[in-house]
């Protein structure tokens, strides 16, 4: 059940090749693991996927807002100012992306949209793995994030982080396959 926690963690660490330092890591890990914990809880409560996936997306948006845009919240509720701040960051990233060279600052406009991509990857990976019965499909969302980092990231730690992510992906697929066979009562 915790297999996707590892994938999310390794994917977030892999982002270190795109950022100037590790200041992004703690908050982004909290966001990713918070959403993954919510997914685990919804599965444990046997909430239908039709309800759970939208709840995870809304919950992920709330976690992002709380983590990166706290001053814009009204009490604990994101509002128009929160959305405006996020859209400003997205526009800034889109404007800077063609000329930006990694490593980019680990604070500021690049971090929240990257965290949003991580939230989406966590929700999709969990949905593919535990609601759609996918095995290798569950690593595709995190793989897409890692592929972007591979394309734009610095060469620093390339081999080590890539090998770690591949090992984590293989372990994830193997664990999901073993879980699926155990649930069906099949064995090799």
N, C-alpha and C. Protein backbone atom coordinates (compact mmCIF):
# COMPACT_ATOMS: atom_id res chain seq x y z
N UNK A 1 0.82 -1.20 0.00
CA UNK A 1 0.00 0.00 0.00
C UNK A 1 0.85 1.26 0.00
N UNK A 2 2.08 1.15 0.49
CA UNK A 2 2.94 2.32 0.57
C UNK A 2 3.87 2.42 -0.64
N UNK A 3 3.68 1.57 -1.62
CA UNK A 3 4.59 1.52 -2.75
C UNK A 3 4.67 2.85 -3.50
N UNK A 4 3.56 3.55 -3.63
CA UNK A 4 3.59 4.80 -4.37
C UNK A 4 4.18 5.95 -3.57
N UNK A 5 4.27 5.81 -2.25
CA UNK A 5 4.97 6.83 -1.45
C UNK A 5 6.42 6.92 -1.90
N UNK A 6 7.02 5.76 -2.15
CA UNK A 6 8.41 5.71 -2.60
C UNK A 6 8.55 6.37 -3.96
N UNK A 7 7.65 6.08 -4.89
CA UNK A 7 7.73 6.67 -6.22
C UNK A 7 7.61 8.19 -6.16
N UNK A 8 6.67 8.67 -5.36
CA UNK A 8 6.49 10.13 -5.23
C UNK A 8 7.73 10.76 -4.63
N UNK A 9 8.29 10.12 -3.60
CA UNK A 9 9.47 10.67 -2.94
C UNK A 9 10.66 10.73 -3.90
N UNK A 10 10.91 9.65 -4.61
CA UNK A 10 12.05 9.62 -5.54
C UNK A 10 11.84 10.63 -6.66
N UNK A 11 10.62 10.78 -7.14
CA UNK A 11 10.35 11.76 -8.20
C UNK A 11 10.63 13.18 -7.71
N UNK A 12 10.19 13.50 -6.51
CA UNK A 12 10.44 14.83 -5.96
C UNK A 12 11.94 15.07 -5.76
N UNK A 13 12.65 14.07 -5.29
CA UNK A 13 14.10 14.23 -5.12
C UNK A 13 14.78 14.42 -6.47
N UNK A 14 14.29 13.73 -7.50
CA UNK A 14 14.86 13.86 -8.85
C UNK A 14 14.79 15.30 -9.35
N UNK A 15 13.82 16.06 -8.87
CA UNK A 15 13.70 17.47 -9.27
C UNK A 15 14.91 18.30 -8.85
N UNK A 16 15.73 17.75 -7.98
CA UNK A 16 16.95 18.45 -7.57
C UNK A 16 17.85 18.81 -8.73
N UNK A 17 17.73 18.11 -9.83
CA UNK A 17 18.53 18.44 -11.03
C UNK A 17 18.03 19.69 -11.72
N UNK A 18 16.81 20.11 -11.43
CA UNK A 18 16.25 21.30 -12.08
C UNK A 18 16.36 22.55 -11.22
N UNK A 19 16.51 22.37 -9.91
CA UNK A 19 16.54 23.51 -8.99
C UNK A 19 17.95 23.79 -8.51
N UNK A 20 18.18 25.06 -8.14
CA UNK A 20 19.51 25.52 -7.75
C UNK A 20 19.99 24.93 -6.43
N UNK A 21 19.07 24.60 -5.54
CA UNK A 21 19.43 24.00 -4.27
C UNK A 21 18.26 23.15 -3.80
N UNK A 22 18.34 22.67 -2.57
CA UNK A 22 17.35 21.73 -2.06
C UNK A 22 16.26 22.42 -1.23
N UNK A 23 16.16 23.73 -1.30
CA UNK A 23 15.15 24.45 -0.51
C UNK A 23 13.72 24.05 -0.88
N UNK A 24 13.50 23.60 -2.07
CA UNK A 24 12.16 23.20 -2.52
C UNK A 24 11.71 21.88 -1.88
N UNK A 25 12.66 21.06 -1.47
CA UNK A 25 12.42 19.65 -1.18
C UNK A 25 11.42 19.41 -0.05
N UNK A 26 11.61 20.04 1.08
CA UNK A 26 10.76 19.73 2.24
C UNK A 26 9.29 20.00 1.96
N UNK A 27 8.99 21.20 1.46
CA UNK A 27 7.58 21.56 1.23
C UNK A 27 6.98 20.69 0.13
N UNK A 28 7.72 20.46 -0.94
CA UNK A 28 7.18 19.66 -2.02
C UNK A 28 6.96 18.21 -1.60
N UNK A 29 7.85 17.68 -0.78
CA UNK A 29 7.65 16.33 -0.25
C UNK A 29 6.40 16.28 0.63
N UNK A 30 6.20 17.29 1.45
CA UNK A 30 5.00 17.33 2.29
C UNK A 30 3.74 17.37 1.43
N UNK A 31 3.77 18.15 0.35
CA UNK A 31 2.62 18.22 -0.55
C UNK A 31 2.37 16.84 -1.18
N UNK A 32 3.41 16.25 -1.76
CA UNK A 32 3.25 14.96 -2.45
C UNK A 32 2.79 13.87 -1.49
N UNK A 33 3.43 13.78 -0.35
CA UNK A 33 3.09 12.72 0.60
C UNK A 33 1.75 12.98 1.28
N UNK A 34 1.37 14.25 1.41
CA UNK A 34 0.04 14.56 1.94
C UNK A 34 -1.06 14.07 1.01
N UNK A 35 -0.89 14.32 -0.27
CA UNK A 35 -1.89 13.86 -1.25
C UNK A 35 -1.88 12.33 -1.33
N UNK A 36 -0.69 11.73 -1.28
CA UNK A 36 -0.61 10.27 -1.32
C UNK A 36 -1.27 9.65 -0.08
N UNK A 37 -1.11 10.29 1.07
CA UNK A 37 -1.77 9.82 2.29
C UNK A 37 -3.29 9.91 2.16
N UNK A 38 -3.77 11.00 1.59
CA UNK A 38 -5.21 11.15 1.37
C UNK A 38 -5.72 10.05 0.44
N UNK A 39 -4.95 9.73 -0.60
CA UNK A 39 -5.35 8.66 -1.52
C UNK A 39 -5.42 7.32 -0.79
N UNK A 40 -4.44 7.06 0.04
CA UNK A 40 -4.43 5.82 0.83
C UNK A 40 -5.64 5.76 1.76
N UNK A 41 -5.96 6.86 2.40
CA UNK A 41 -7.11 6.92 3.30
C UNK A 41 -8.42 6.69 2.55
N UNK A 42 -8.57 7.32 1.39
CA UNK A 42 -9.80 7.13 0.60
C UNK A 42 -9.95 5.69 0.13
N UNK A 43 -8.83 5.05 -0.21
CA UNK A 43 -8.89 3.64 -0.59
C UNK A 43 -9.26 2.78 0.60
N UNK A 44 -8.68 3.08 1.76
CA UNK A 44 -8.99 2.30 2.97
C UNK A 44 -10.46 2.44 3.35
N UNK A 45 -11.02 3.61 3.08
CA UNK A 45 -12.44 3.83 3.37
C UNK A 45 -13.35 3.31 2.25
N UNK A 46 -12.74 2.77 1.21
CA UNK A 46 -13.45 2.22 0.05
C UNK A 46 -14.35 3.24 -0.65
N UNK A 47 -13.83 4.46 -0.74
CA UNK A 47 -14.56 5.51 -1.45
C UNK A 47 -14.44 5.24 -2.95
N UNK A 48 -15.55 5.32 -3.64
CA UNK A 48 -15.58 5.09 -5.09
C UNK A 48 -14.60 6.01 -5.81
N UNK A 49 -13.99 5.50 -6.86
CA UNK A 49 -13.08 6.31 -7.66
C UNK A 49 -13.72 7.54 -8.24
N UNK A 50 -15.01 7.45 -8.58
CA UNK A 50 -15.73 8.59 -9.13
C UNK A 50 -15.82 9.74 -8.14
N UNK A 51 -15.74 9.41 -6.88
CA UNK A 51 -15.76 10.44 -5.83
C UNK A 51 -14.33 10.75 -5.37
N UNK A 52 -13.51 9.71 -5.24
CA UNK A 52 -12.17 9.86 -4.68
C UNK A 52 -11.26 10.72 -5.56
N UNK A 53 -11.27 10.50 -6.86
CA UNK A 53 -10.36 11.25 -7.74
C UNK A 53 -10.65 12.75 -7.70
N UNK A 54 -11.91 13.18 -7.85
CA UNK A 54 -12.16 14.63 -7.70
C UNK A 54 -11.79 15.14 -6.30
N UNK A 55 -12.06 14.33 -5.27
CA UNK A 55 -11.68 14.74 -3.91
C UNK A 55 -10.17 14.92 -3.80
N UNK A 56 -9.41 14.03 -4.40
CA UNK A 56 -7.96 14.14 -4.36
C UNK A 56 -7.46 15.37 -5.11
N UNK A 57 -8.08 15.66 -6.24
CA UNK A 57 -7.67 16.85 -7.00
C UNK A 57 -7.98 18.13 -6.22
N UNK A 58 -9.16 18.19 -5.63
CA UNK A 58 -9.52 19.36 -4.82
C UNK A 58 -8.63 19.42 -3.58
N UNK A 59 -8.42 18.27 -2.94
CA UNK A 59 -7.54 18.23 -1.77
C UNK A 59 -6.12 18.62 -2.12
N UNK A 60 -5.66 18.17 -3.28
CA UNK A 60 -4.32 18.54 -3.75
C UNK A 60 -4.20 20.03 -3.98
N UNK A 61 -5.25 20.62 -4.56
CA UNK A 61 -5.26 22.07 -4.76
C UNK A 61 -5.21 22.80 -3.41
N UNK A 62 -5.94 22.28 -2.44
CA UNK A 62 -5.93 22.89 -1.12
C UNK A 62 -4.55 22.78 -0.48
N UNK A 63 -3.93 21.61 -0.57
CA UNK A 63 -2.59 21.42 0.00
C UNK A 63 -1.60 22.36 -0.67
N UNK A 64 -1.68 22.49 -2.00
CA UNK A 64 -0.82 23.43 -2.72
C UNK A 64 -1.04 24.86 -2.22
N UNK A 65 -2.30 25.24 -2.09
CA UNK A 65 -2.62 26.59 -1.63
C UNK A 65 -2.08 26.83 -0.23
N UNK A 66 -2.27 25.87 0.64
CA UNK A 66 -1.79 26.03 2.02
C UNK A 66 -0.26 26.09 2.07
N UNK A 67 0.39 25.28 1.24
CA UNK A 67 1.85 25.20 1.28
C UNK A 67 2.53 26.42 0.66
N UNK A 68 1.97 26.93 -0.43
CA UNK A 68 2.66 27.98 -1.19
C UNK A 68 1.97 29.34 -1.17
N UNK A 69 0.72 29.38 -0.85
CA UNK A 69 -0.02 30.64 -0.92
C UNK A 69 -0.80 30.91 0.37
N UNK A 70 -0.25 30.52 1.49
CA UNK A 70 -0.91 30.67 2.78
C UNK A 70 -1.51 32.04 3.04
N UNK A 71 -0.78 33.12 2.76
CA UNK A 71 -1.35 34.46 3.04
C UNK A 71 -2.60 34.80 2.22
N UNK A 72 -2.85 34.07 1.14
CA UNK A 72 -4.04 34.37 0.33
C UNK A 72 -5.28 33.61 0.78
N UNK A 73 -5.11 32.71 1.75
CA UNK A 73 -6.25 31.91 2.22
C UNK A 73 -7.15 32.76 3.12
N UNK A 74 -8.43 32.50 3.04
CA UNK A 74 -9.41 33.11 3.93
C UNK A 74 -9.72 32.08 5.00
N UNK A 75 -9.06 32.21 6.15
CA UNK A 75 -9.13 31.14 7.14
C UNK A 75 -8.32 29.98 6.60
N UNK A 76 -8.98 28.91 6.27
CA UNK A 76 -8.32 27.75 5.67
C UNK A 76 -8.81 27.50 4.24
N UNK A 77 -9.50 28.48 3.66
CA UNK A 77 -10.13 28.29 2.36
C UNK A 77 -9.43 29.14 1.30
N UNK A 78 -8.97 28.50 0.21
CA UNK A 78 -8.41 29.27 -0.89
C UNK A 78 -9.52 30.07 -1.58
N UNK A 79 -9.17 31.21 -2.09
CA UNK A 79 -10.14 32.03 -2.79
C UNK A 79 -9.59 32.54 -4.10
N UNK A 80 -10.19 33.60 -4.60
CA UNK A 80 -9.78 34.17 -5.86
C UNK A 80 -8.34 34.67 -5.84
N UNK A 81 -7.91 35.21 -4.71
CA UNK A 81 -6.53 35.69 -4.60
C UNK A 81 -5.53 34.53 -4.71
N UNK A 82 -5.92 33.38 -4.20
CA UNK A 82 -5.05 32.20 -4.28
C UNK A 82 -4.91 31.76 -5.74
N UNK A 83 -6.03 31.69 -6.43
CA UNK A 83 -6.00 31.31 -7.84
C UNK A 83 -5.22 32.33 -8.66
N UNK A 84 -5.43 33.61 -8.38
CA UNK A 84 -4.68 34.67 -9.09
C UNK A 84 -3.18 34.52 -8.88
N UNK A 85 -2.76 34.26 -7.65
CA UNK A 85 -1.34 34.10 -7.36
C UNK A 85 -0.76 32.89 -8.10
N UNK A 86 -1.52 31.79 -8.12
CA UNK A 86 -1.06 30.60 -8.83
C UNK A 86 -0.95 30.89 -10.33
N UNK A 87 -1.95 31.55 -10.89
CA UNK A 87 -1.92 31.86 -12.33
C UNK A 87 -0.78 32.81 -12.68
N UNK A 88 -0.44 33.73 -11.79
CA UNK A 88 0.71 34.61 -12.02
C UNK A 88 1.98 33.76 -12.09
N UNK A 89 2.12 32.79 -11.18
CA UNK A 89 3.29 31.91 -11.22
C UNK A 89 3.33 31.09 -12.50
N UNK A 90 2.18 30.56 -12.92
CA UNK A 90 2.13 29.78 -14.16
C UNK A 90 2.52 30.65 -15.35
N UNK A 91 1.99 31.87 -15.43
CA UNK A 91 2.33 32.78 -16.53
C UNK A 91 3.82 33.12 -16.51
N UNK A 92 4.35 33.34 -15.32
CA UNK A 92 5.78 33.64 -15.20
C UNK A 92 6.62 32.49 -15.72
N UNK A 93 6.26 31.28 -15.32
CA UNK A 93 7.01 30.10 -15.78
C UNK A 93 6.90 29.97 -17.30
N UNK A 94 5.71 30.14 -17.84
CA UNK A 94 5.54 30.03 -19.30
C UNK A 94 6.34 31.10 -20.03
N UNK A 95 6.42 32.30 -19.47
CA UNK A 95 7.20 33.37 -20.09
C UNK A 95 8.70 33.10 -20.00
N UNK A 96 9.15 32.57 -18.87
CA UNK A 96 10.58 32.35 -18.65
C UNK A 96 11.08 31.03 -19.21
N UNK A 97 10.19 30.06 -19.39
CA UNK A 97 10.62 28.72 -19.77
C UNK A 97 11.49 28.67 -21.03
N UNK A 98 11.13 29.40 -22.10
CA UNK A 98 11.96 29.30 -23.31
C UNK A 98 13.41 29.76 -23.10
N UNK A 99 13.64 30.68 -22.16
CA UNK A 99 14.99 31.19 -21.97
C UNK A 99 15.63 30.72 -20.66
N UNK A 100 14.87 30.08 -19.80
CA UNK A 100 15.41 29.64 -18.51
C UNK A 100 16.37 28.47 -18.71
N UNK A 101 17.40 28.48 -17.91
CA UNK A 101 18.39 27.40 -17.95
C UNK A 101 18.51 26.85 -16.54
N UNK A 102 18.43 25.53 -16.45
CA UNK A 102 18.58 24.89 -15.13
C UNK A 102 20.01 25.07 -14.66
N UNK A 103 20.18 25.24 -13.39
CA UNK A 103 19.17 25.17 -12.34
C UNK A 103 18.43 26.50 -12.16
N UNK A 104 17.14 26.39 -11.94
CA UNK A 104 16.31 27.57 -11.67
C UNK A 104 16.19 27.73 -10.15
N UNK A 105 15.80 28.92 -9.69
CA UNK A 105 15.67 29.12 -8.24
C UNK A 105 14.69 28.12 -7.62
N UNK A 106 15.03 27.66 -6.43
CA UNK A 106 14.17 26.69 -5.75
C UNK A 106 13.12 27.36 -4.89
N UNK A 107 12.99 28.64 -5.03
CA UNK A 107 11.91 29.40 -4.42
C UNK A 107 11.36 30.29 -5.52
N UNK A 108 10.13 30.71 -5.39
CA UNK A 108 9.56 31.59 -6.41
C UNK A 108 8.65 30.86 -7.36
N UNK A 109 8.50 31.42 -8.53
CA UNK A 109 7.46 31.03 -9.48
C UNK A 109 7.56 29.61 -9.99
N UNK A 110 8.75 29.04 -10.10
CA UNK A 110 8.88 27.70 -10.67
C UNK A 110 8.38 26.59 -9.74
N UNK A 111 8.39 26.83 -8.45
CA UNK A 111 8.10 25.75 -7.50
C UNK A 111 6.62 25.37 -7.45
N UNK A 112 5.67 26.30 -7.27
CA UNK A 112 4.27 25.86 -7.16
C UNK A 112 3.73 25.14 -8.40
N UNK A 113 4.00 25.60 -9.62
CA UNK A 113 3.52 24.81 -10.77
C UNK A 113 4.17 23.42 -10.85
N UNK A 114 5.43 23.32 -10.42
CA UNK A 114 6.08 22.01 -10.38
C UNK A 114 5.40 21.13 -9.34
N UNK A 115 5.07 21.71 -8.19
CA UNK A 115 4.35 20.96 -7.16
C UNK A 115 2.97 20.54 -7.67
N UNK A 116 2.33 21.38 -8.46
CA UNK A 116 1.03 21.02 -9.05
C UNK A 116 1.19 19.81 -9.98
N UNK A 117 2.28 19.78 -10.74
CA UNK A 117 2.55 18.62 -11.60
C UNK A 117 2.77 17.36 -10.76
N UNK A 118 3.42 17.51 -9.63
CA UNK A 118 3.63 16.38 -8.72
C UNK A 118 2.30 15.89 -8.16
N UNK A 119 1.43 16.83 -7.76
CA UNK A 119 0.11 16.45 -7.25
C UNK A 119 -0.65 15.67 -8.31
N UNK A 120 -0.65 16.15 -9.53
CA UNK A 120 -1.33 15.46 -10.62
C UNK A 120 -0.73 14.07 -10.84
N UNK A 121 0.60 13.98 -10.80
CA UNK A 121 1.26 12.68 -10.97
C UNK A 121 0.87 11.71 -9.85
N UNK A 122 0.80 12.21 -8.62
CA UNK A 122 0.42 11.36 -7.48
C UNK A 122 -1.01 10.85 -7.66
N UNK A 123 -1.93 11.74 -8.02
CA UNK A 123 -3.33 11.34 -8.18
C UNK A 123 -3.47 10.33 -9.32
N UNK A 124 -2.84 10.61 -10.45
CA UNK A 124 -2.93 9.69 -11.59
C UNK A 124 -2.28 8.35 -11.29
N UNK A 125 -1.10 8.37 -10.68
CA UNK A 125 -0.42 7.11 -10.37
C UNK A 125 -1.25 6.25 -9.42
N UNK A 126 -1.81 6.87 -8.40
CA UNK A 126 -2.64 6.13 -7.46
C UNK A 126 -3.89 5.58 -8.16
N UNK A 127 -4.49 6.38 -9.02
CA UNK A 127 -5.68 5.95 -9.74
C UNK A 127 -5.35 4.78 -10.67
N UNK A 128 -4.26 4.89 -11.42
CA UNK A 128 -3.87 3.81 -12.31
C UNK A 128 -3.56 2.53 -11.53
N UNK A 129 -2.85 2.67 -10.42
CA UNK A 129 -2.40 1.50 -9.67
C UNK A 129 -3.53 0.79 -8.93
N UNK A 130 -4.39 1.56 -8.27
CA UNK A 130 -5.33 0.93 -7.35
C UNK A 130 -6.79 1.02 -7.77
N UNK A 131 -7.09 1.82 -8.74
CA UNK A 131 -8.49 1.92 -9.18
C UNK A 131 -8.67 1.37 -10.58
N UNK A 132 -7.63 1.43 -11.40
CA UNK A 132 -7.71 0.90 -12.76
C UNK A 132 -6.96 -0.42 -12.90
N UNK A 133 -6.30 -0.86 -11.84
CA UNK A 133 -5.61 -2.14 -11.86
C UNK A 133 -4.36 -2.16 -12.71
N UNK A 134 -3.78 -1.01 -12.97
CA UNK A 134 -2.57 -0.95 -13.78
C UNK A 134 -1.33 -1.27 -12.97
N UNK A 135 -0.32 -1.73 -13.66
CA UNK A 135 0.96 -2.01 -13.01
C UNK A 135 1.98 -1.02 -13.54
N UNK A 136 2.42 -1.24 -14.76
CA UNK A 136 3.40 -0.32 -15.34
C UNK A 136 2.78 1.05 -15.61
N UNK A 137 1.47 1.10 -15.79
CA UNK A 137 0.80 2.39 -16.01
C UNK A 137 0.97 3.31 -14.82
N UNK A 138 1.13 2.73 -13.63
CA UNK A 138 1.23 3.53 -12.41
C UNK A 138 2.51 4.35 -12.35
N UNK A 139 3.54 3.98 -13.10
CA UNK A 139 4.77 4.76 -13.06
C UNK A 139 4.83 5.82 -14.16
N UNK A 140 3.89 5.78 -15.09
CA UNK A 140 3.91 6.73 -16.21
C UNK A 140 3.81 8.18 -15.76
N UNK A 141 2.88 8.54 -14.84
CA UNK A 141 2.80 9.95 -14.44
C UNK A 141 4.10 10.48 -13.82
N UNK A 142 4.70 9.69 -12.94
CA UNK A 142 5.97 10.11 -12.35
C UNK A 142 7.07 10.10 -13.42
N UNK A 143 7.00 9.13 -14.32
CA UNK A 143 7.97 9.06 -15.41
C UNK A 143 7.94 10.29 -16.30
N UNK A 144 6.75 10.84 -16.51
CA UNK A 144 6.64 12.06 -17.33
C UNK A 144 7.36 13.23 -16.65
N UNK A 145 7.21 13.34 -15.35
CA UNK A 145 7.90 14.41 -14.62
C UNK A 145 9.41 14.20 -14.70
N UNK A 146 9.86 12.98 -14.50
CA UNK A 146 11.29 12.67 -14.56
C UNK A 146 11.83 12.92 -15.96
N UNK A 147 11.05 12.63 -16.99
CA UNK A 147 11.49 12.86 -18.37
C UNK A 147 11.70 14.36 -18.63
N UNK A 148 10.81 15.18 -18.12
CA UNK A 148 10.98 16.63 -18.29
C UNK A 148 12.25 17.09 -17.57
N UNK A 149 12.46 16.58 -16.36
CA UNK A 149 13.67 16.94 -15.62
C UNK A 149 14.91 16.46 -16.38
N UNK A 150 14.84 15.28 -16.98
CA UNK A 150 15.97 14.76 -17.76
C UNK A 150 16.27 15.66 -18.94
N UNK A 151 15.22 16.25 -19.52
CA UNK A 151 15.42 17.10 -20.69
C UNK A 151 15.97 18.48 -20.32
N UNK A 152 15.56 19.02 -19.17
CA UNK A 152 15.94 20.40 -18.85
C UNK A 152 16.91 20.50 -17.68
N UNK A 153 17.11 19.42 -16.94
CA UNK A 153 17.92 19.48 -15.72
C UNK A 153 19.41 19.54 -15.99
N UNK A 154 20.13 19.84 -14.93
CA UNK A 154 21.59 19.88 -15.00
C UNK A 154 22.13 18.46 -15.05
N UNK A 155 23.37 18.29 -15.50
CA UNK A 155 23.94 16.94 -15.52
C UNK A 155 24.30 16.42 -14.12
N UNK A 156 24.29 17.30 -13.12
CA UNK A 156 24.65 16.88 -11.77
C UNK A 156 23.72 15.77 -11.28
N UNK A 157 24.27 14.73 -10.74
CA UNK A 157 23.55 13.57 -10.18
C UNK A 157 22.68 12.86 -11.21
N UNK A 158 22.92 13.08 -12.49
CA UNK A 158 22.09 12.46 -13.53
C UNK A 158 22.04 10.95 -13.39
N UNK A 159 23.18 10.33 -13.34
CA UNK A 159 23.22 8.86 -13.30
C UNK A 159 22.63 8.31 -12.01
N UNK A 160 23.02 8.87 -10.88
CA UNK A 160 22.54 8.37 -9.59
C UNK A 160 21.04 8.54 -9.42
N UNK A 161 20.52 9.72 -9.73
CA UNK A 161 19.09 9.96 -9.57
C UNK A 161 18.27 9.16 -10.58
N UNK A 162 18.77 9.06 -11.80
CA UNK A 162 18.06 8.28 -12.81
C UNK A 162 18.03 6.80 -12.43
N UNK A 163 19.16 6.28 -11.99
CA UNK A 163 19.21 4.87 -11.57
C UNK A 163 18.29 4.62 -10.37
N UNK A 164 18.27 5.57 -9.45
CA UNK A 164 17.39 5.43 -8.29
C UNK A 164 15.93 5.43 -8.72
N UNK A 165 15.57 6.33 -9.64
CA UNK A 165 14.18 6.39 -10.10
C UNK A 165 13.81 5.10 -10.84
N UNK A 166 14.68 4.61 -11.70
CA UNK A 166 14.40 3.38 -12.44
C UNK A 166 14.24 2.20 -11.47
N UNK A 167 15.11 2.11 -10.48
CA UNK A 167 15.00 1.04 -9.49
C UNK A 167 13.67 1.16 -8.74
N UNK A 168 13.30 2.37 -8.38
CA UNK A 168 12.03 2.58 -7.69
C UNK A 168 10.85 2.21 -8.59
N UNK A 169 10.94 2.56 -9.86
CA UNK A 169 9.86 2.24 -10.81
C UNK A 169 9.72 0.73 -10.97
N UNK A 170 10.84 0.03 -11.12
CA UNK A 170 10.79 -1.42 -11.25
C UNK A 170 10.24 -2.08 -9.99
N UNK A 171 10.64 -1.58 -8.84
CA UNK A 171 10.12 -2.10 -7.57
C UNK A 171 8.62 -1.83 -7.45
N UNK A 172 8.18 -0.67 -7.91
CA UNK A 172 6.76 -0.34 -7.88
C UNK A 172 5.96 -1.29 -8.76
N UNK A 173 6.41 -1.48 -9.99
CA UNK A 173 5.70 -2.38 -10.91
C UNK A 173 5.69 -3.81 -10.36
N UNK A 174 6.83 -4.26 -9.87
CA UNK A 174 6.89 -5.60 -9.31
C UNK A 174 5.97 -5.78 -8.10
N UNK A 175 5.95 -4.80 -7.24
CA UNK A 175 5.09 -4.86 -6.05
C UNK A 175 3.62 -4.85 -6.45
N UNK A 176 3.26 -4.01 -7.41
CA UNK A 176 1.87 -3.96 -7.86
C UNK A 176 1.44 -5.26 -8.53
N UNK A 177 2.33 -5.86 -9.31
CA UNK A 177 2.02 -7.14 -9.94
C UNK A 177 1.85 -8.23 -8.89
N UNK A 178 2.74 -8.26 -7.92
CA UNK A 178 2.64 -9.27 -6.86
C UNK A 178 1.36 -9.08 -6.06
N UNK A 179 1.00 -7.85 -5.79
CA UNK A 179 -0.24 -7.56 -5.07
C UNK A 179 -1.45 -8.02 -5.87
N UNK A 180 -1.43 -7.75 -7.16
CA UNK A 180 -2.54 -8.14 -8.04
C UNK A 180 -2.67 -9.65 -8.08
N UNK A 181 -1.58 -10.37 -8.21
CA UNK A 181 -1.63 -11.82 -8.23
C UNK A 181 -2.10 -12.39 -6.89
N UNK A 182 -1.67 -11.78 -5.81
CA UNK A 182 -2.09 -12.23 -4.48
C UNK A 182 -3.60 -12.03 -4.31
N UNK A 183 -4.11 -10.90 -4.79
CA UNK A 183 -5.55 -10.63 -4.67
C UNK A 183 -6.38 -11.57 -5.53
N UNK A 184 -5.83 -11.98 -6.66
CA UNK A 184 -6.54 -12.91 -7.55
C UNK A 184 -6.32 -14.35 -7.16
N UNK A 185 -5.35 -14.59 -6.28
CA UNK A 185 -5.05 -15.96 -5.88
C UNK A 185 -4.17 -16.68 -6.87
N UNK A 186 -3.59 -15.96 -7.81
CA UNK A 186 -2.72 -16.59 -8.81
C UNK A 186 -1.27 -16.56 -8.33
N UNK A 187 -0.47 -17.46 -8.88
CA UNK A 187 0.96 -17.45 -8.57
C UNK A 187 1.71 -17.89 -9.81
N UNK A 188 2.97 -17.54 -9.85
CA UNK A 188 3.80 -17.90 -11.00
C UNK A 188 4.46 -19.23 -10.76
